[in-house]
Every structure is written in C-alpha cells, then in structure tokens.
Amino acid sequence: MIRIGHGFDVHRFADCAERELVIAGVAIPHDRSLVAHSDGDVAIHALCDALLGAAGLGDIGRHFPDTSAEFAGIDSRLLLRRVVVELKARAWRVGNVDLTIVAQRPKMAPHIDTMRARLAADLEVMPEAVNVKATTTERLGYTGREEGIATHAVALIESIA
C-alpha cells in the first residue's frame, strides 16, 4: 500500500539576521532570518506535514506545538527524524519526497545538493528519492516582496507490513 501527503509552510522574515537562515537543514548566508518558534526551517516543516498527512497523523503543530518550550529554537532536522520514527512505528517508510521552495532570495541553487543529502540521511532514503527545487514568484506576492519564504512538499510513503 502507498499513500501520498502534501505539506505547506511559510515563515516571514525578521528585520535582521537574528539567527542563521536554515532551509532544508542547510545554513544559508543571508542578511535576514525567519521568524519562528523553532529554527524556522520552512522546508522541513512542510516536509513533516506532508509525511504526517500521508500517514493520517495530523500535522506538525499537533506533534510539535509552538506553545511548548521543548521545541523553542529546536533544530528542525530533529523533528523530521522524530516523524520518521513515528512512520516506522506504524509500519511505513518514505518512498520519495519532492519539495518546492518559493523565495525571491537568497538563491537556493548553490545549496540544493547539500539539502538533498541531508534530507535523505534524515529520511533514511537514497538521495535520488529526494527532490528539492526552488522558484521565485517574479517579485509577485509576499515571497516576491521578500517578506518571507514558503515551501510546498509532497511525500509518498509505502507500507512495510
């Protein structure tokens, strides 16, 4: 049996670089960071939602609420690994994932191979099972005005039972 899930997340930019800008587990040099309770990794948050949705397990906020001090400033890769543990406990494994990062800047292309490798390691899959791409909105909307970054994610999970 297979299932698919979709995830979406968006975070707005802070006025300055209050901390590192981390996208898909990679620190990216930029003059601003994202506002969030955790590390603000918008790509991993969307991916967690896609995986949890595919398994019928709700969303990231249900598992890792932004009202909990436990998750304040947490590395989102830890959250992703916990989601993988939850999937395994229910006899699911990741088949493949596809992410689209929507940002006017910074440019994501120089970081995509590293993103894929880190996500693949956390998901316990081959890098070929992880696709990451980026696009702009041609300066339209909140991402085009550089007010924030958004990510769409799709995930396929397979039964291991």
N, C-alpha and C. Protein backbone atom coordinates (compact mmCIF):
# COMPACT_ATOMS: atom_id res chain seq x y z
N MET A 1 0.84 -1.17 0.00
CA MET A 1 0.00 0.00 0.00
C MET A 1 0.89 1.24 0.00
N ILE A 2 0.46 2.25 -0.71
CA ILE A 2 1.15 3.53 -0.72
C ILE A 2 0.17 4.65 -0.40
N ARG A 3 0.70 5.73 0.11
CA ARG A 3 -0.09 6.93 0.39
C ARG A 3 0.73 8.16 0.04
N ILE A 4 0.03 9.23 -0.28
CA ILE A 4 0.71 10.49 -0.54
C ILE A 4 0.22 11.55 0.43
N GLY A 5 1.05 12.53 0.66
CA GLY A 5 0.68 13.65 1.52
C GLY A 5 1.26 14.93 0.97
N HIS A 6 0.60 16.03 1.27
CA HIS A 6 1.06 17.35 0.85
C HIS A 6 1.28 18.21 2.08
N GLY A 7 2.33 19.00 2.05
CA GLY A 7 2.60 19.93 3.14
C GLY A 7 2.91 21.31 2.60
N PHE A 8 2.59 22.31 3.37
CA PHE A 8 2.90 23.70 3.01
C PHE A 8 3.27 24.44 4.28
N ASP A 9 4.28 25.28 4.18
CA ASP A 9 4.63 26.12 5.32
C ASP A 9 5.19 27.44 4.80
N VAL A 10 5.06 28.46 5.61
CA VAL A 10 5.58 29.78 5.29
C VAL A 10 6.04 30.43 6.59
N HIS A 11 7.14 31.15 6.50
CA HIS A 11 7.62 31.95 7.63
C HIS A 11 8.02 33.32 7.09
N ARG A 12 7.75 34.34 7.88
CA ARG A 12 8.12 35.69 7.48
C ARG A 12 9.54 35.98 7.92
N PHE A 13 10.15 36.90 7.20
CA PHE A 13 11.50 37.33 7.54
C PHE A 13 11.48 38.25 8.75
N ALA A 14 12.50 38.13 9.58
CA ALA A 14 12.77 39.10 10.63
C ALA A 14 13.43 40.31 9.96
N ASP A 15 13.47 41.42 10.65
CA ASP A 15 14.07 42.62 10.08
C ASP A 15 15.59 42.52 9.94
N CYS A 16 16.18 41.56 10.65
CA CYS A 16 17.62 41.38 10.59
C CYS A 16 17.94 39.89 10.74
N ALA A 17 19.19 39.57 10.74
CA ALA A 17 19.60 38.18 10.92
C ALA A 17 19.72 37.90 12.42
N GLU A 18 18.59 37.59 13.06
CA GLU A 18 18.58 37.30 14.49
C GLU A 18 19.26 35.96 14.78
N ARG A 19 19.24 35.08 13.79
CA ARG A 19 19.91 33.78 13.86
C ARG A 19 20.18 33.35 12.43
N GLU A 20 20.76 32.20 12.26
CA GLU A 20 21.05 31.71 10.91
C GLU A 20 19.75 31.44 10.14
N LEU A 21 19.80 31.64 8.85
CA LEU A 21 18.72 31.23 7.97
C LEU A 21 18.99 29.78 7.60
N VAL A 22 18.11 28.88 8.02
CA VAL A 22 18.28 27.45 7.76
C VAL A 22 17.12 26.98 6.91
N ILE A 23 17.44 26.39 5.75
CA ILE A 23 16.44 25.86 4.84
C ILE A 23 16.85 24.43 4.47
N ALA A 24 15.95 23.48 4.67
CA ALA A 24 16.21 22.06 4.38
C ALA A 24 17.48 21.57 5.06
N GLY A 25 17.69 22.04 6.28
CA GLY A 25 18.82 21.59 7.07
C GLY A 25 20.14 22.25 6.74
N VAL A 26 20.13 23.27 5.89
CA VAL A 26 21.37 23.93 5.46
C VAL A 26 21.34 25.40 5.87
N ALA A 27 22.41 25.84 6.53
CA ALA A 27 22.55 27.26 6.87
C ALA A 27 22.94 28.02 5.61
N ILE A 28 22.15 29.04 5.28
CA ILE A 28 22.35 29.80 4.06
C ILE A 28 22.68 31.24 4.43
N PRO A 29 23.81 31.75 3.94
CA PRO A 29 24.17 33.14 4.25
C PRO A 29 23.08 34.10 3.72
N HIS A 30 22.61 34.98 4.60
CA HIS A 30 21.59 35.95 4.21
C HIS A 30 21.56 37.06 5.25
N ASP A 31 21.04 38.22 4.87
CA ASP A 31 21.01 39.35 5.79
C ASP A 31 19.81 39.32 6.74
N ARG A 32 18.92 38.34 6.56
CA ARG A 32 17.77 38.21 7.46
C ARG A 32 17.55 36.74 7.80
N SER A 33 16.84 36.51 8.89
CA SER A 33 16.45 35.16 9.28
C SER A 33 14.93 35.08 9.28
N LEU A 34 14.41 33.90 9.53
CA LEU A 34 12.97 33.71 9.56
C LEU A 34 12.45 33.70 10.99
N VAL A 35 11.28 34.27 11.19
CA VAL A 35 10.65 34.32 12.50
C VAL A 35 9.94 32.99 12.74
N ALA A 36 10.27 32.34 13.86
CA ALA A 36 9.66 31.05 14.17
C ALA A 36 9.95 30.67 15.62
N HIS A 37 9.15 29.74 16.13
CA HIS A 37 9.37 29.20 17.48
C HIS A 37 10.58 28.27 17.46
N SER A 38 10.70 27.47 16.39
CA SER A 38 11.84 26.56 16.24
C SER A 38 12.94 27.30 15.49
N ASP A 39 13.74 26.57 14.72
CA ASP A 39 14.77 27.22 13.91
C ASP A 39 14.22 27.86 12.65
N GLY A 40 12.91 27.67 12.37
CA GLY A 40 12.27 28.31 11.23
C GLY A 40 12.53 27.65 9.90
N ASP A 41 12.94 26.38 9.91
CA ASP A 41 13.24 25.68 8.65
C ASP A 41 11.95 25.36 7.91
N VAL A 42 11.53 26.29 7.08
CA VAL A 42 10.25 26.22 6.37
C VAL A 42 10.16 24.98 5.48
N ALA A 43 11.26 24.53 4.93
CA ALA A 43 11.24 23.35 4.05
C ALA A 43 10.99 22.07 4.85
N ILE A 44 11.69 21.92 5.95
CA ILE A 44 11.48 20.73 6.78
C ILE A 44 10.09 20.73 7.40
N HIS A 45 9.58 21.89 7.78
CA HIS A 45 8.23 21.94 8.35
C HIS A 45 7.20 21.48 7.33
N ALA A 46 7.32 21.92 6.09
CA ALA A 46 6.40 21.47 5.05
C ALA A 46 6.55 19.98 4.81
N LEU A 47 7.78 19.49 4.83
CA LEU A 47 8.02 18.06 4.63
C LEU A 47 7.43 17.23 5.76
N CYS A 48 7.59 17.67 6.99
CA CYS A 48 6.98 16.96 8.12
C CYS A 48 5.47 16.88 7.95
N ASP A 49 4.85 17.99 7.55
CA ASP A 49 3.40 17.98 7.32
C ASP A 49 3.01 17.01 6.22
N ALA A 50 3.78 16.95 5.15
CA ALA A 50 3.47 16.02 4.05
C ALA A 50 3.55 14.57 4.54
N LEU A 51 4.59 14.24 5.29
CA LEU A 51 4.76 12.87 5.78
C LEU A 51 3.69 12.51 6.80
N LEU A 52 3.43 13.40 7.73
CA LEU A 52 2.39 13.15 8.73
C LEU A 52 1.02 13.03 8.07
N GLY A 53 0.75 13.87 7.09
CA GLY A 53 -0.52 13.81 6.37
C GLY A 53 -0.68 12.51 5.63
N ALA A 54 0.37 12.04 4.98
CA ALA A 54 0.30 10.77 4.25
C ALA A 54 -0.05 9.61 5.17
N ALA A 55 0.47 9.67 6.39
CA ALA A 55 0.21 8.60 7.36
C ALA A 55 -1.07 8.82 8.15
N GLY A 56 -1.78 9.92 7.89
CA GLY A 56 -3.01 10.22 8.63
C GLY A 56 -2.75 10.59 10.08
N LEU A 57 -1.62 11.25 10.33
CA LEU A 57 -1.21 11.57 11.70
C LEU A 57 -1.31 13.05 12.03
N GLY A 58 -2.13 13.78 11.31
CA GLY A 58 -2.30 15.19 11.62
C GLY A 58 -1.21 16.05 11.01
N ASP A 59 -0.78 17.05 11.78
CA ASP A 59 0.21 17.99 11.25
C ASP A 59 1.31 18.26 12.27
N ILE A 60 2.27 19.03 11.85
CA ILE A 60 3.44 19.31 12.68
C ILE A 60 3.07 20.01 13.99
N GLY A 61 2.07 20.90 13.94
CA GLY A 61 1.64 21.60 15.14
C GLY A 61 1.06 20.69 16.20
N ARG A 62 0.46 19.62 15.77
CA ARG A 62 -0.11 18.64 16.70
C ARG A 62 1.00 17.87 17.43
N HIS A 63 2.07 17.56 16.72
CA HIS A 63 3.16 16.77 17.29
C HIS A 63 4.22 17.62 17.99
N PHE A 64 4.43 18.83 17.48
CA PHE A 64 5.48 19.71 18.00
C PHE A 64 4.92 21.12 18.15
N PRO A 65 4.03 21.34 19.11
CA PRO A 65 3.34 22.64 19.23
C PRO A 65 4.30 23.81 19.52
N ASP A 66 3.98 24.94 18.89
CA ASP A 66 4.82 26.12 19.08
C ASP A 66 4.54 26.81 20.42
N THR A 67 3.72 26.19 21.23
CA THR A 67 3.48 26.68 22.58
C THR A 67 4.34 25.94 23.60
N SER A 68 5.10 24.96 23.15
CA SER A 68 5.92 24.14 24.04
C SER A 68 7.35 24.65 24.10
N ALA A 69 7.84 24.87 25.30
CA ALA A 69 9.23 25.30 25.48
C ALA A 69 10.21 24.24 24.98
N GLU A 70 9.79 22.99 24.96
CA GLU A 70 10.64 21.89 24.48
C GLU A 70 11.12 22.12 23.05
N PHE A 71 10.31 22.80 22.25
CA PHE A 71 10.64 22.97 20.84
C PHE A 71 11.16 24.37 20.49
N ALA A 72 11.36 25.20 21.49
CA ALA A 72 11.87 26.55 21.24
C ALA A 72 13.28 26.48 20.68
N GLY A 73 13.47 27.01 19.48
CA GLY A 73 14.78 27.05 18.85
C GLY A 73 15.31 25.71 18.37
N ILE A 74 14.49 24.66 18.41
CA ILE A 74 14.95 23.32 18.06
C ILE A 74 15.36 23.21 16.60
N ASP A 75 16.37 22.39 16.36
CA ASP A 75 16.81 22.06 15.01
C ASP A 75 15.71 21.22 14.36
N SER A 76 15.15 21.70 13.28
CA SER A 76 14.03 21.01 12.64
C SER A 76 14.41 19.65 12.09
N ARG A 77 15.69 19.39 11.87
CA ARG A 77 16.10 18.05 11.45
C ARG A 77 15.77 17.03 12.54
N LEU A 78 15.83 17.44 13.80
CA LEU A 78 15.43 16.54 14.88
C LEU A 78 13.95 16.21 14.80
N LEU A 79 13.15 17.21 14.44
CA LEU A 79 11.71 16.98 14.28
C LEU A 79 11.45 16.00 13.13
N LEU A 80 12.16 16.19 12.03
CA LEU A 80 12.00 15.30 10.88
C LEU A 80 12.36 13.87 11.25
N ARG A 81 13.44 13.69 11.98
CA ARG A 81 13.83 12.34 12.41
C ARG A 81 12.77 11.72 13.31
N ARG A 82 12.15 12.53 14.15
CA ARG A 82 11.08 12.01 15.01
C ARG A 82 9.87 11.58 14.17
N VAL A 83 9.58 12.32 13.12
CA VAL A 83 8.48 11.94 12.22
C VAL A 83 8.79 10.60 11.57
N VAL A 84 10.03 10.40 11.14
CA VAL A 84 10.42 9.12 10.54
C VAL A 84 10.24 7.98 11.54
N VAL A 85 10.58 8.20 12.80
CA VAL A 85 10.38 7.19 13.85
C VAL A 85 8.89 6.86 13.98
N GLU A 86 8.05 7.91 13.96
CA GLU A 86 6.60 7.70 14.04
C GLU A 86 6.09 6.87 12.86
N LEU A 87 6.60 7.15 11.68
CA LEU A 87 6.20 6.38 10.50
C LEU A 87 6.60 4.92 10.65
N LYS A 88 7.83 4.68 11.04
CA LYS A 88 8.32 3.31 11.21
C LYS A 88 7.49 2.55 12.24
N ALA A 89 7.12 3.24 13.31
CA ALA A 89 6.32 2.60 14.37
C ALA A 89 4.96 2.15 13.85
N ARG A 90 4.53 2.74 12.76
CA ARG A 90 3.24 2.39 12.16
C ARG A 90 3.41 1.63 10.85
N ALA A 91 4.62 1.07 10.66
CA ALA A 91 4.94 0.22 9.50
C ALA A 91 4.91 0.96 8.17
N TRP A 92 5.41 2.21 8.18
CA TRP A 92 5.55 2.98 6.94
C TRP A 92 7.02 3.33 6.74
N ARG A 93 7.40 3.49 5.49
CA ARG A 93 8.72 4.03 5.14
C ARG A 93 8.53 5.07 4.04
N VAL A 94 9.48 5.96 3.95
CA VAL A 94 9.43 7.00 2.94
C VAL A 94 9.78 6.39 1.58
N GLY A 95 8.93 6.67 0.59
CA GLY A 95 9.22 6.26 -0.78
C GLY A 95 10.03 7.33 -1.48
N ASN A 96 9.44 8.50 -1.62
CA ASN A 96 10.15 9.65 -2.16
C ASN A 96 9.46 10.93 -1.73
N VAL A 97 10.20 12.03 -1.83
CA VAL A 97 9.66 13.34 -1.47
C VAL A 97 10.08 14.35 -2.53
N ASP A 98 9.27 15.38 -2.68
CA ASP A 98 9.53 16.45 -3.64
C ASP A 98 9.16 17.77 -2.99
N LEU A 99 10.12 18.69 -2.91
CA LEU A 99 9.90 19.99 -2.28
C LEU A 99 10.11 21.11 -3.28
N THR A 100 9.29 22.15 -3.16
CA THR A 100 9.48 23.37 -3.93
C THR A 100 9.59 24.53 -2.95
N ILE A 101 10.75 25.14 -2.92
CA ILE A 101 11.00 26.30 -2.06
C ILE A 101 10.69 27.55 -2.87
N VAL A 102 9.87 28.43 -2.31
CA VAL A 102 9.46 29.65 -3.00
C VAL A 102 10.09 30.84 -2.29
N ALA A 103 11.08 31.45 -2.95
CA ALA A 103 11.81 32.57 -2.35
C ALA A 103 12.39 33.45 -3.45
N GLN A 104 12.25 34.73 -3.28
CA GLN A 104 12.87 35.66 -4.23
C GLN A 104 14.39 35.64 -4.05
N ARG A 105 14.78 35.66 -2.79
CA ARG A 105 16.18 35.50 -2.43
C ARG A 105 16.25 35.04 -0.99
N PRO A 106 17.28 34.40 -0.58
CA PRO A 106 18.51 34.15 -1.30
C PRO A 106 18.35 33.04 -2.33
N LYS A 107 19.30 32.93 -3.21
CA LYS A 107 19.30 31.88 -4.22
C LYS A 107 19.54 30.53 -3.54
N MET A 108 18.72 29.55 -3.89
CA MET A 108 18.82 28.23 -3.29
C MET A 108 19.71 27.28 -4.09
N ALA A 109 19.85 27.52 -5.39
CA ALA A 109 20.54 26.58 -6.28
C ALA A 109 21.90 26.11 -5.76
N PRO A 110 22.74 26.99 -5.21
CA PRO A 110 24.05 26.52 -4.74
C PRO A 110 23.97 25.53 -3.57
N HIS A 111 22.82 25.43 -2.93
CA HIS A 111 22.68 24.63 -1.71
C HIS A 111 21.86 23.36 -1.90
N ILE A 112 21.27 23.19 -3.07
CA ILE A 112 20.30 22.10 -3.26
C ILE A 112 20.92 20.71 -3.09
N ASP A 113 22.11 20.48 -3.59
CA ASP A 113 22.71 19.15 -3.43
C ASP A 113 22.92 18.82 -1.95
N THR A 114 23.37 19.78 -1.17
CA THR A 114 23.56 19.56 0.26
C THR A 114 22.22 19.34 0.95
N MET A 115 21.20 20.11 0.56
CA MET A 115 19.86 19.92 1.11
C MET A 115 19.38 18.49 0.86
N ARG A 116 19.51 18.04 -0.37
CA ARG A 116 19.06 16.68 -0.72
C ARG A 116 19.79 15.63 0.11
N ALA A 117 21.09 15.78 0.25
CA ALA A 117 21.87 14.81 1.01
C ALA A 117 21.46 14.78 2.48
N ARG A 118 21.25 15.94 3.07
CA ARG A 118 20.87 15.97 4.50
C ARG A 118 19.46 15.42 4.71
N LEU A 119 18.54 15.81 3.83
CA LEU A 119 17.17 15.29 3.96
C LEU A 119 17.16 13.78 3.75
N ALA A 120 17.90 13.29 2.77
CA ALA A 120 17.95 11.85 2.51
C ALA A 120 18.48 11.11 3.74
N ALA A 121 19.51 11.63 4.37
CA ALA A 121 20.05 10.99 5.58
C ALA A 121 18.99 10.94 6.68
N ASP A 122 18.29 12.04 6.89
CA ASP A 122 17.27 12.08 7.95
C ASP A 122 16.07 11.19 7.63
N LEU A 123 15.75 11.07 6.35
CA LEU A 123 14.61 10.25 5.92
C LEU A 123 14.97 8.78 5.75
N GLU A 124 16.29 8.49 5.81
CA GLU A 124 16.80 7.13 5.64
C GLU A 124 16.47 6.58 4.26
N VAL A 125 16.69 7.42 3.24
CA VAL A 125 16.47 7.03 1.86
C VAL A 125 17.70 7.44 1.04
N MET A 126 17.78 6.96 -0.17
CA MET A 126 18.84 7.37 -1.08
C MET A 126 18.58 8.81 -1.54
N PRO A 127 19.63 9.57 -1.83
CA PRO A 127 19.44 10.95 -2.28
C PRO A 127 18.53 11.06 -3.51
N GLU A 128 18.51 10.03 -4.35
CA GLU A 128 17.67 10.05 -5.55
C GLU A 128 16.18 10.07 -5.21
N ALA A 129 15.84 9.72 -3.97
CA ALA A 129 14.44 9.73 -3.54
C ALA A 129 14.01 11.08 -2.99
N VAL A 130 14.92 12.04 -3.02
CA VAL A 130 14.65 13.39 -2.50
C VAL A 130 14.88 14.39 -3.62
N ASN A 131 13.85 15.14 -3.95
CA ASN A 131 13.99 16.20 -4.94
C ASN A 131 13.71 17.53 -4.27
N VAL A 132 14.59 18.48 -4.48
CA VAL A 132 14.42 19.83 -3.96
C VAL A 132 14.62 20.78 -5.12
N LYS A 133 13.67 21.67 -5.30
CA LYS A 133 13.80 22.69 -6.33
C LYS A 133 13.36 24.02 -5.73
N ALA A 134 13.72 25.09 -6.40
CA ALA A 134 13.38 26.42 -5.91
C ALA A 134 12.87 27.26 -7.06
N THR A 135 12.01 28.19 -6.70
CA THR A 135 11.47 29.12 -7.69
C THR A 135 11.24 30.47 -7.03
N THR A 136 11.11 31.48 -7.86
CA THR A 136 10.70 32.80 -7.38
C THR A 136 9.25 32.98 -7.82
N THR A 137 8.66 34.07 -7.42
CA THR A 137 7.32 34.41 -7.90
C THR A 137 7.38 35.67 -8.77
N GLU A 138 8.55 35.87 -9.38
CA GLU A 138 8.74 37.02 -10.28
C GLU A 138 8.36 38.33 -9.59
N ARG A 139 8.75 38.42 -8.31
CA ARG A 139 8.51 39.60 -7.47
C ARG A 139 7.03 39.85 -7.14
N LEU A 140 6.18 38.86 -7.34
CA LEU A 140 4.76 38.97 -7.00
C LEU A 140 4.50 38.36 -5.63
N GLY A 141 3.54 38.92 -4.90
CA GLY A 141 3.12 38.36 -3.61
C GLY A 141 4.14 38.54 -2.51
N TYR A 142 3.85 37.92 -1.34
CA TYR A 142 4.70 38.12 -0.18
C TYR A 142 6.11 37.55 -0.36
N THR A 143 6.25 36.46 -1.11
CA THR A 143 7.60 35.96 -1.34
C THR A 143 8.33 36.86 -2.33
N GLY A 144 7.63 37.34 -3.32
CA GLY A 144 8.23 38.24 -4.30
C GLY A 144 8.67 39.56 -3.70
N ARG A 145 7.93 40.03 -2.69
CA ARG A 145 8.31 41.26 -1.99
C ARG A 145 9.36 40.99 -0.91
N GLU A 146 9.81 39.76 -0.84
CA GLU A 146 10.82 39.33 0.13
C GLU A 146 10.35 39.52 1.57
N GLU A 147 9.07 39.23 1.80
CA GLU A 147 8.53 39.28 3.15
C GLU A 147 8.68 37.94 3.87
N GLY A 148 8.94 36.89 3.11
CA GLY A 148 9.09 35.57 3.71
C GLY A 148 9.45 34.53 2.68
N ILE A 149 9.50 33.29 3.15
CA ILE A 149 9.80 32.12 2.30
C ILE A 149 8.71 31.09 2.54
N ALA A 150 8.30 30.41 1.48
CA ALA A 150 7.30 29.35 1.57
C ALA A 150 7.87 28.08 0.96
N THR A 151 7.29 26.95 1.34
CA THR A 151 7.68 25.67 0.74
C THR A 151 6.45 24.79 0.61
N HIS A 152 6.36 24.13 -0.54
CA HIS A 152 5.37 23.07 -0.78
C HIS A 152 6.14 21.75 -0.74
N ALA A 153 5.55 20.72 -0.18
CA ALA A 153 6.18 19.40 -0.15
C ALA A 153 5.14 18.33 -0.45
N VAL A 154 5.58 17.34 -1.19
CA VAL A 154 4.76 16.16 -1.47
C VAL A 154 5.58 14.95 -1.06
N ALA A 155 4.94 13.99 -0.40
CA ALA A 155 5.65 12.80 0.05
C ALA A 155 4.85 11.56 -0.28
N LEU A 156 5.55 10.52 -0.67
CA LEU A 156 4.94 9.22 -0.87
C LEU A 156 5.51 8.29 0.20
N ILE A 157 4.64 7.59 0.90
CA ILE A 157 5.10 6.61 1.88
C ILE A 157 4.57 5.24 1.46
N GLU A 158 5.32 4.21 1.85
CA GLU A 158 4.98 2.82 1.47
C GLU A 158 4.85 1.97 2.74
N SER A 159 3.92 1.04 2.71
CA SER A 159 3.74 0.11 3.81
C SER A 159 4.89 -0.88 3.85
N ILE A 160 5.39 -1.16 5.04
CA ILE A 160 6.43 -2.18 5.19
C ILE A 160 5.89 -3.38 5.95
N ALA A 161 4.58 -3.42 6.12
CA ALA A 161 3.97 -4.54 6.84
C ALA A 161 3.63 -5.67 5.89
